[in-house]
Amino acid sequence: MAICILRSLARSSLATTERIALFAPTTTTLQSKWKANLISTSSDLRCSNKGNQLKSSNIFDQARAFSERSNVKKKNSRKYVSDSDSDSDAEVFDRKKFSVILAAQLKQKKNFQAFSRVQESKAAYSSEFWRQKMRTMHGIFDVNNDGVISFEDFIVLAENFGKLGHLSTDEMNEFREVMRSTWESNWGEITPYNLVTVEQYLNDMHHVMTDKDLRKKVHRFLPYLFQAVDKDSSGEISIEEFKLFFQCLGLTDRDAEISFNAIDKNHDGMLSIKEFVKLGRDFFLTEDPKRVSKNFWGPLVSTH
C-alpha cells in the first residue's frame, strides 16, 4: 500500500515539499513503529538474557549442590569403610580367639583320651584268666623245669624245632635271631644270671601287651614253629604234624589231639599258616575265656 501511495504522489503536480509533508507522517509512523519494534526486541533480548542468566545461575547452584552431596556421600562412604574395617578387625580377633580356645579344648580332649587309654591299658591284661595263660607260657619256655626262664631255655626250645630238619640253615639262623631279639626286648641282657620268675614274667608280659610296638612283635617266632613242623612244606599242617609241634613243647600226643580238635574251627583237619599264627597270637592278646585260642599251647596250668 505504501508503494502505491508513493507512485501516486510522484505522478501528481504537488511540489516536492508538499510531497514530503504529505509523506512525513507515514515516515514518522514507520520510524516510530521501527523504534518501538527495536525497543521491544531489545527488551525481549534483555529478558531472554536475564532468563538465561537465571538459568545459568540455577545450573551452577545445582552443580554446587550436587558436588556437596557427592562430598557428603564420600565422607559417609569413608566412614562406612572405616567402620567396616573396624568390624573386620574385630571379627579377625574373634576368630583368632575362638581358634585358640578350640585348640586348647582339643588338646585337653586328647590329653584326657590319652590318660583314659593309659588307665584302660593298666586295667587290661590283668584278669586271672589272662594271668593263667601267661603262667602256662612260662611253663612252656621253662624247658629244663627249674622254675625260671633263662636265655638258654629260649635257645634249647629253638633247637628242638630245628632238629626236626624242616628248616633251612638260613631259616634256622633267622629263628635264633628272632628268639635272641625277643629276649633282649622283653627281659634285657643275655647273661646266665638273668633269670625270669613266674611273677616277673607276668609283669613283663603285661608291659609287652600294653606297649604298642612290643605287642606287634609278640608273635614273631610263630611262623618258624609252623615251618619247622610242616614236613611237606604244603603251607598247611595236619593233626600228625601238630603232634610234632607239641612234642617240641614237651607235651603229649593226647594233648595235641585235644587242642587240635578245639582250634580246628572249620573241622577240615588242617591248619593253614594264617590260622596257626592268628591262634598263637590271640592266646597272648585276648582275655576272653570263650576264644578257642586258649587251647593253642596245650592245657592251661591250674589256678591253684
Protein backbone atom coordinates (compact mmCIF):
# COMPACT_ATOMS: atom_id res chain seq x y z
CA MET A 1 0.00 0.00 0.00
CA ALA A 2 2.77 2.43 0.85
CA ILE A 3 4.30 1.81 -2.55
CA CYS A 4 1.04 2.71 -4.31
CA ILE A 5 0.83 5.99 -2.39
CA LEU A 6 4.39 6.89 -3.37
CA ARG A 7 3.69 6.21 -7.03
CA SER A 8 0.56 8.40 -6.92
CA LEU A 9 2.47 11.25 -5.36
CA ALA A 10 5.17 11.01 -7.97
CA ARG A 11 2.62 11.44 -10.81
CA SER A 12 0.81 14.35 -9.12
CA SER A 13 1.67 18.01 -9.66
CA LEU A 14 2.38 18.67 -5.99
CA ALA A 15 5.60 20.35 -5.12
CA THR A 16 8.39 18.43 -3.56
CA THR A 17 7.93 20.00 -0.14
CA GLU A 18 4.27 19.21 -0.24
CA ARG A 19 5.05 15.65 -1.15
CA ILE A 20 7.50 15.41 1.74
CA ALA A 21 4.97 16.95 4.08
CA LEU A 22 2.36 14.55 2.86
CA PHE A 23 4.68 11.55 3.27
CA ALA A 24 6.29 12.69 6.56
CA PRO A 25 3.58 11.36 8.84
CA THR A 26 3.84 7.99 7.21
CA THR A 27 7.59 8.04 7.55
CA THR A 28 7.31 9.20 11.10
CA THR A 29 4.82 6.50 11.82
CA LEU A 30 7.11 3.88 10.25
CA GLN A 31 10.06 5.21 12.20
CA SER A 32 8.02 5.14 15.38
CA LYS A 33 6.93 1.59 14.69
CA TRP A 34 10.51 0.61 13.87
CA LYS A 35 11.79 2.18 17.11
CA ALA A 36 9.01 0.51 19.05
CA ASN A 37 9.88 -2.85 17.47
CA LEU A 38 13.54 -2.24 18.20
CA ILE A 39 12.81 -1.36 21.82
CA SER A 40 10.53 -4.37 22.11
CA THR A 41 13.17 -6.63 20.59
CA SER A 42 15.85 -5.20 22.87
CA SER A 43 13.56 -5.68 25.80
CA ASP A 44 12.89 -9.25 24.75
CA LEU A 45 16.55 -9.86 24.31
CA ARG A 46 17.28 -8.42 27.72
CA CYS A 47 14.55 -10.55 29.21
CA SER A 48 15.84 -13.57 27.33
CA ASN A 49 19.39 -12.92 28.52
CA LYS A 50 18.11 -12.39 32.01
CA GLY A 51 16.31 -15.69 31.82
CA ASN A 52 19.41 -17.35 30.50
CA GLN A 53 21.40 -15.78 33.30
CA LEU A 54 18.87 -17.12 35.77
CA LYS A 55 19.04 -20.49 34.11
CA SER A 56 22.85 -20.41 34.20
CA SER A 57 22.74 -19.41 37.82
CA ASN A 58 20.42 -22.31 38.56
CA ILE A 59 22.76 -24.73 36.78
CA PHE A 60 25.75 -23.57 38.82
CA ASP A 61 23.72 -23.81 42.00
CA GLN A 62 22.66 -27.30 41.06
CA ALA A 63 26.26 -28.24 40.28
CA ARG A 64 27.42 -26.93 43.64
CA ALA A 65 24.60 -28.78 45.38
CA PHE A 66 25.47 -31.98 43.54
CA SER A 67 29.14 -31.56 44.45
CA GLU A 68 28.25 -31.02 48.09
CA ARG A 69 26.03 -34.09 48.10
CA SER A 70 28.84 -36.09 46.49
CA ASN A 71 31.28 -34.93 49.15
CA VAL A 72 28.84 -35.90 51.86
CA LYS A 73 28.42 -39.34 50.28
CA LYS A 74 32.18 -39.75 50.05
CA LYS A 75 32.57 -38.81 53.69
CA ASN A 76 29.83 -41.23 54.65
CA SER A 77 31.43 -43.87 52.45
CA ARG A 78 34.80 -43.34 54.13
CA LYS A 79 33.13 -43.57 57.48
CA TYR A 80 31.39 -46.77 56.43
CA VAL A 81 34.65 -48.24 55.15
CA SER A 82 36.35 -47.26 58.36
CA ASP A 83 33.57 -48.84 60.39
CA SER A 84 33.72 -51.90 58.15
CA ASP A 85 37.48 -52.15 58.67
CA SER A 86 36.93 -51.85 62.38
CA ASP A 87 34.30 -54.56 62.27
CA SER A 88 36.62 -56.72 60.16
CA ASP A 89 39.43 -56.31 62.69
CA ALA A 90 37.04 -57.30 65.45
CA GLU A 91 35.94 -60.36 63.51
CA VAL A 92 39.56 -61.39 62.90
CA PHE A 93 40.28 -61.01 66.60
CA ASP A 94 37.19 -63.06 67.48
CA ARG A 95 38.22 -65.80 65.05
CA LYS A 96 41.74 -65.92 66.47
CA LYS A 97 40.35 -66.04 70.00
CA PHE A 98 37.96 -68.81 69.02
CA SER A 99 40.80 -70.76 67.36
CA VAL A 100 42.93 -70.51 70.50
CA ILE A 101 40.06 -71.68 72.69
CA LEU A 102 39.22 -74.52 70.30
CA ALA A 103 42.85 -75.65 70.13
CA ALA A 104 43.04 -75.65 73.92
CA GLN A 105 39.86 -77.72 74.17
CA LEU A 106 41.10 -80.20 71.57
CA LYS A 107 44.40 -80.54 73.40
CA GLN A 108 42.56 -81.09 76.66
CA LYS A 109 40.38 -83.72 74.98
CA LYS A 110 43.41 -85.51 73.51
CA ASN A 111 45.15 -85.47 76.89
CA PHE A 112 42.05 -86.92 78.51
CA GLN A 113 41.78 -89.61 75.85
CA ALA A 114 45.47 -90.47 76.25
CA PHE A 115 45.01 -90.63 80.02
CA SER A 116 41.96 -92.85 79.55
CA ARG A 117 43.91 -95.18 77.28
CA VAL A 118 46.68 -95.41 79.84
CA GLN A 119 44.17 -96.23 82.56
CA GLU A 120 42.49 -98.79 80.33
CA SER A 121 45.82 -100.36 79.43
CA LYS A 122 46.68 -100.63 83.10
CA ALA A 123 43.39 -102.35 83.74
CA ALA A 124 43.80 -104.60 80.66
CA TYR A 125 45.69 -107.88 80.77
CA SER A 126 45.21 -108.19 84.49
CA SER A 127 42.37 -110.72 84.64
CA GLU A 128 43.01 -114.02 86.36
CA PHE A 129 42.27 -115.87 83.13
CA TRP A 130 44.97 -113.96 81.23
CA ARG A 131 47.43 -114.50 84.09
CA GLN A 132 46.65 -118.19 83.99
CA LYS A 133 47.55 -118.30 80.30
CA MET A 134 50.83 -116.44 80.93
CA ARG A 135 51.75 -118.87 83.69
CA THR A 136 51.13 -121.64 81.15
CA MET A 137 53.54 -119.96 78.73
CA HIS A 138 56.14 -119.58 81.46
CA GLY A 139 56.00 -123.34 81.96
CA ILE A 140 56.47 -123.96 78.21
CA PHE A 141 59.50 -121.65 77.99
CA ASP A 142 60.97 -123.19 81.15
CA VAL A 143 62.39 -126.08 79.17
CA ASN A 144 64.54 -127.53 81.98
CA ASN A 145 61.72 -127.15 84.53
CA ASP A 146 63.81 -125.30 87.13
CA GLY A 147 61.08 -122.72 87.82
CA VAL A 148 62.74 -119.83 85.94
CA ILE A 149 63.27 -118.89 82.31
CA SER A 150 66.77 -118.18 81.02
CA PHE A 151 68.08 -117.28 77.61
CA GLU A 152 69.44 -120.83 77.44
CA ASP A 153 65.86 -122.14 77.68
CA PHE A 154 64.97 -119.98 74.65
CA ILE A 155 67.85 -121.41 72.62
CA VAL A 156 67.08 -125.02 73.61
CA LEU A 157 63.47 -124.56 72.54
CA ALA A 158 64.55 -123.21 69.16
CA GLU A 159 66.99 -126.10 68.71
CA ASN A 160 64.23 -128.64 69.44
CA PHE A 161 62.32 -127.36 66.41
CA GLY A 162 65.48 -127.15 64.35
CA LYS A 163 66.23 -130.84 64.96
CA LEU A 164 63.12 -131.79 63.02
CA GLY A 165 65.14 -130.89 59.92
CA HIS A 166 62.45 -128.91 58.09
CA LEU A 167 64.10 -125.52 58.40
CA SER A 168 66.91 -124.48 56.11
CA THR A 169 70.17 -123.16 57.53
CA ASP A 170 69.17 -119.56 56.78
CA GLU A 171 65.71 -120.07 58.30
CA MET A 172 67.27 -121.58 61.43
CA ASN A 173 69.66 -118.66 61.79
CA GLU A 174 66.74 -116.25 61.40
CA PHE A 175 64.82 -118.21 64.03
CA ARG A 176 67.70 -117.95 66.52
CA GLU A 177 67.99 -114.21 65.83
CA VAL A 178 64.27 -113.70 66.46
CA MET A 179 64.49 -115.55 69.76
CA ARG A 180 67.53 -113.51 70.78
CA SER A 181 65.92 -110.13 69.93
CA THR A 182 62.70 -111.20 71.68
CA TRP A 183 64.62 -111.95 74.84
CA GLU A 184 66.51 -108.66 74.76
CA SER A 185 63.34 -106.66 74.08
CA ASN A 186 61.35 -108.29 76.88
CA TRP A 187 63.93 -109.28 79.52
CA GLY A 188 67.11 -107.39 78.82
CA GLU A 189 70.70 -108.54 78.71
CA ILE A 190 71.78 -112.04 77.89
CA THR A 191 73.64 -113.46 80.89
CA PRO A 192 73.44 -116.71 82.90
CA TYR A 193 72.20 -114.64 85.83
CA ASN A 194 69.23 -113.03 84.09
CA LEU A 195 66.54 -115.44 85.24
CA VAL A 196 62.84 -114.74 84.90
CA THR A 197 60.49 -115.96 87.59
CA VAL A 198 56.76 -116.56 87.09
CA GLU A 199 55.79 -113.27 88.71
CA GLN A 200 58.38 -111.31 86.77
CA TYR A 201 57.21 -112.96 83.56
CA LEU A 202 53.62 -111.90 84.30
CA ASN A 203 54.69 -108.30 84.92
CA ASP A 204 56.94 -108.19 81.86
CA MET A 205 54.26 -109.66 79.58
CA HIS A 206 51.77 -107.12 80.92
CA HIS A 207 54.22 -104.42 79.87
CA VAL A 208 54.60 -106.05 76.44
CA MET A 209 50.83 -106.17 75.91
CA THR A 210 50.33 -102.52 76.88
CA ASP A 211 53.20 -101.32 74.70
CA LYS A 212 52.00 -100.85 71.11
CA ASP A 213 55.33 -101.63 69.44
CA LEU A 214 56.14 -104.64 71.60
CA ARG A 215 52.63 -106.05 71.21
CA LYS A 216 53.08 -106.11 67.42
CA LYS A 217 56.18 -108.31 67.82
CA VAL A 218 54.76 -110.85 70.27
CA HIS A 219 54.10 -113.44 67.54
CA ARG A 220 57.31 -113.03 65.50
CA PHE A 221 58.61 -116.55 66.28
CA LEU A 222 55.36 -118.37 65.37
CA PRO A 223 55.95 -118.66 61.57
CA TYR A 224 59.23 -120.50 62.26
CA LEU A 225 57.43 -123.01 64.52
CA PHE A 226 54.92 -123.68 61.74
CA GLN A 227 57.58 -124.14 59.05
CA ALA A 228 59.53 -126.46 61.32
CA VAL A 229 56.61 -128.91 61.65
CA ASP A 230 55.26 -128.53 58.07
CA LYS A 231 57.10 -131.60 56.79
CA ASP A 232 55.85 -131.41 53.21
CA SER A 233 56.04 -127.59 53.04
CA SER A 234 52.41 -127.52 51.85
CA GLY A 235 51.51 -124.41 53.84
CA GLU A 236 49.13 -126.48 55.96
CA ILE A 237 49.67 -128.85 58.87
CA SER A 238 47.66 -131.93 59.75
CA ILE A 239 46.97 -133.30 63.19
CA GLU A 240 50.05 -135.54 62.87
CA GLU A 241 52.25 -132.52 62.14
CA PHE A 242 50.58 -130.69 65.01
CA LYS A 243 51.73 -133.54 67.28
CA LEU A 244 55.30 -132.72 66.26
CA PHE A 245 54.68 -129.17 67.40
CA PHE A 246 53.55 -130.39 70.82
CA GLN A 247 56.45 -132.83 71.12
CA CYS A 248 58.91 -129.93 70.77
CA LEU A 249 57.00 -128.14 73.55
CA GLY A 250 57.31 -131.16 75.82
CA LEU A 251 53.61 -132.07 75.62
CA THR A 252 51.91 -135.40 74.81
CA ASP A 253 50.18 -136.54 71.63
CA ARG A 254 46.92 -136.71 73.57
CA ASP A 255 47.29 -133.03 74.47
CA ALA A 256 47.90 -132.31 70.79
CA GLU A 257 44.74 -134.13 69.70
CA ILE A 258 42.56 -132.28 72.22
CA SER A 259 43.99 -128.88 71.28
CA PHE A 260 43.83 -129.52 67.53
CA ASN A 261 40.19 -130.58 67.64
CA ALA A 262 39.38 -127.42 69.64
CA ILE A 263 41.16 -124.92 67.38
CA ASP A 264 40.25 -126.51 64.01
CA LYS A 265 37.07 -124.46 63.78
CA ASN A 266 36.11 -125.48 60.24
CA HIS A 267 36.88 -129.15 61.01
CA ASP A 268 38.75 -129.72 57.76
CA GLY A 269 41.58 -131.49 59.57
CA MET A 270 44.13 -128.87 58.50
CA LEU A 271 45.55 -125.62 59.85
CA SER A 272 46.97 -123.01 57.47
CA ILE A 273 49.90 -120.83 58.50
CA LYS A 274 47.48 -117.90 58.75
CA GLU A 275 45.24 -119.81 61.17
CA PHE A 276 48.25 -121.07 63.12
CA VAL A 277 49.79 -117.63 63.62
CA LYS A 278 46.43 -115.98 64.44
CA LEU A 279 45.57 -118.56 67.10
CA GLY A 280 49.02 -118.35 68.68
CA ARG A 281 48.86 -114.55 68.71
CA ASP A 282 45.34 -114.42 70.14
CA PHE A 283 46.49 -116.57 73.05
CA PHE A 284 48.56 -113.59 74.22
CA LEU A 285 46.18 -110.80 73.28
CA THR A 286 42.72 -111.93 74.28
CA GLU A 287 41.21 -112.10 77.75
CA ASP A 288 38.05 -113.80 76.55
CA PRO A 289 37.83 -117.32 78.03
CA LYS A 290 35.41 -118.33 75.24
CA ARG A 291 38.03 -117.93 72.50
CA VAL A 292 39.35 -121.27 71.21
CA SER A 293 42.87 -119.84 71.11
CA LYS A 294 43.16 -120.68 74.81
CA ASN A 295 43.84 -124.28 73.70
CA PHE A 296 46.65 -123.42 71.29
CA TRP A 297 49.55 -124.10 73.68
CA GLY A 298 48.00 -127.13 75.32
CA PRO A 299 46.18 -127.48 78.65
CA LEU A 300 46.26 -124.44 80.93
CA VAL A 301 48.04 -124.75 84.24
CA SER A 302 45.94 -124.98 87.36
CA THR A 303 44.97 -121.73 89.04
CA HIS A 304 45.71 -123.23 92.46
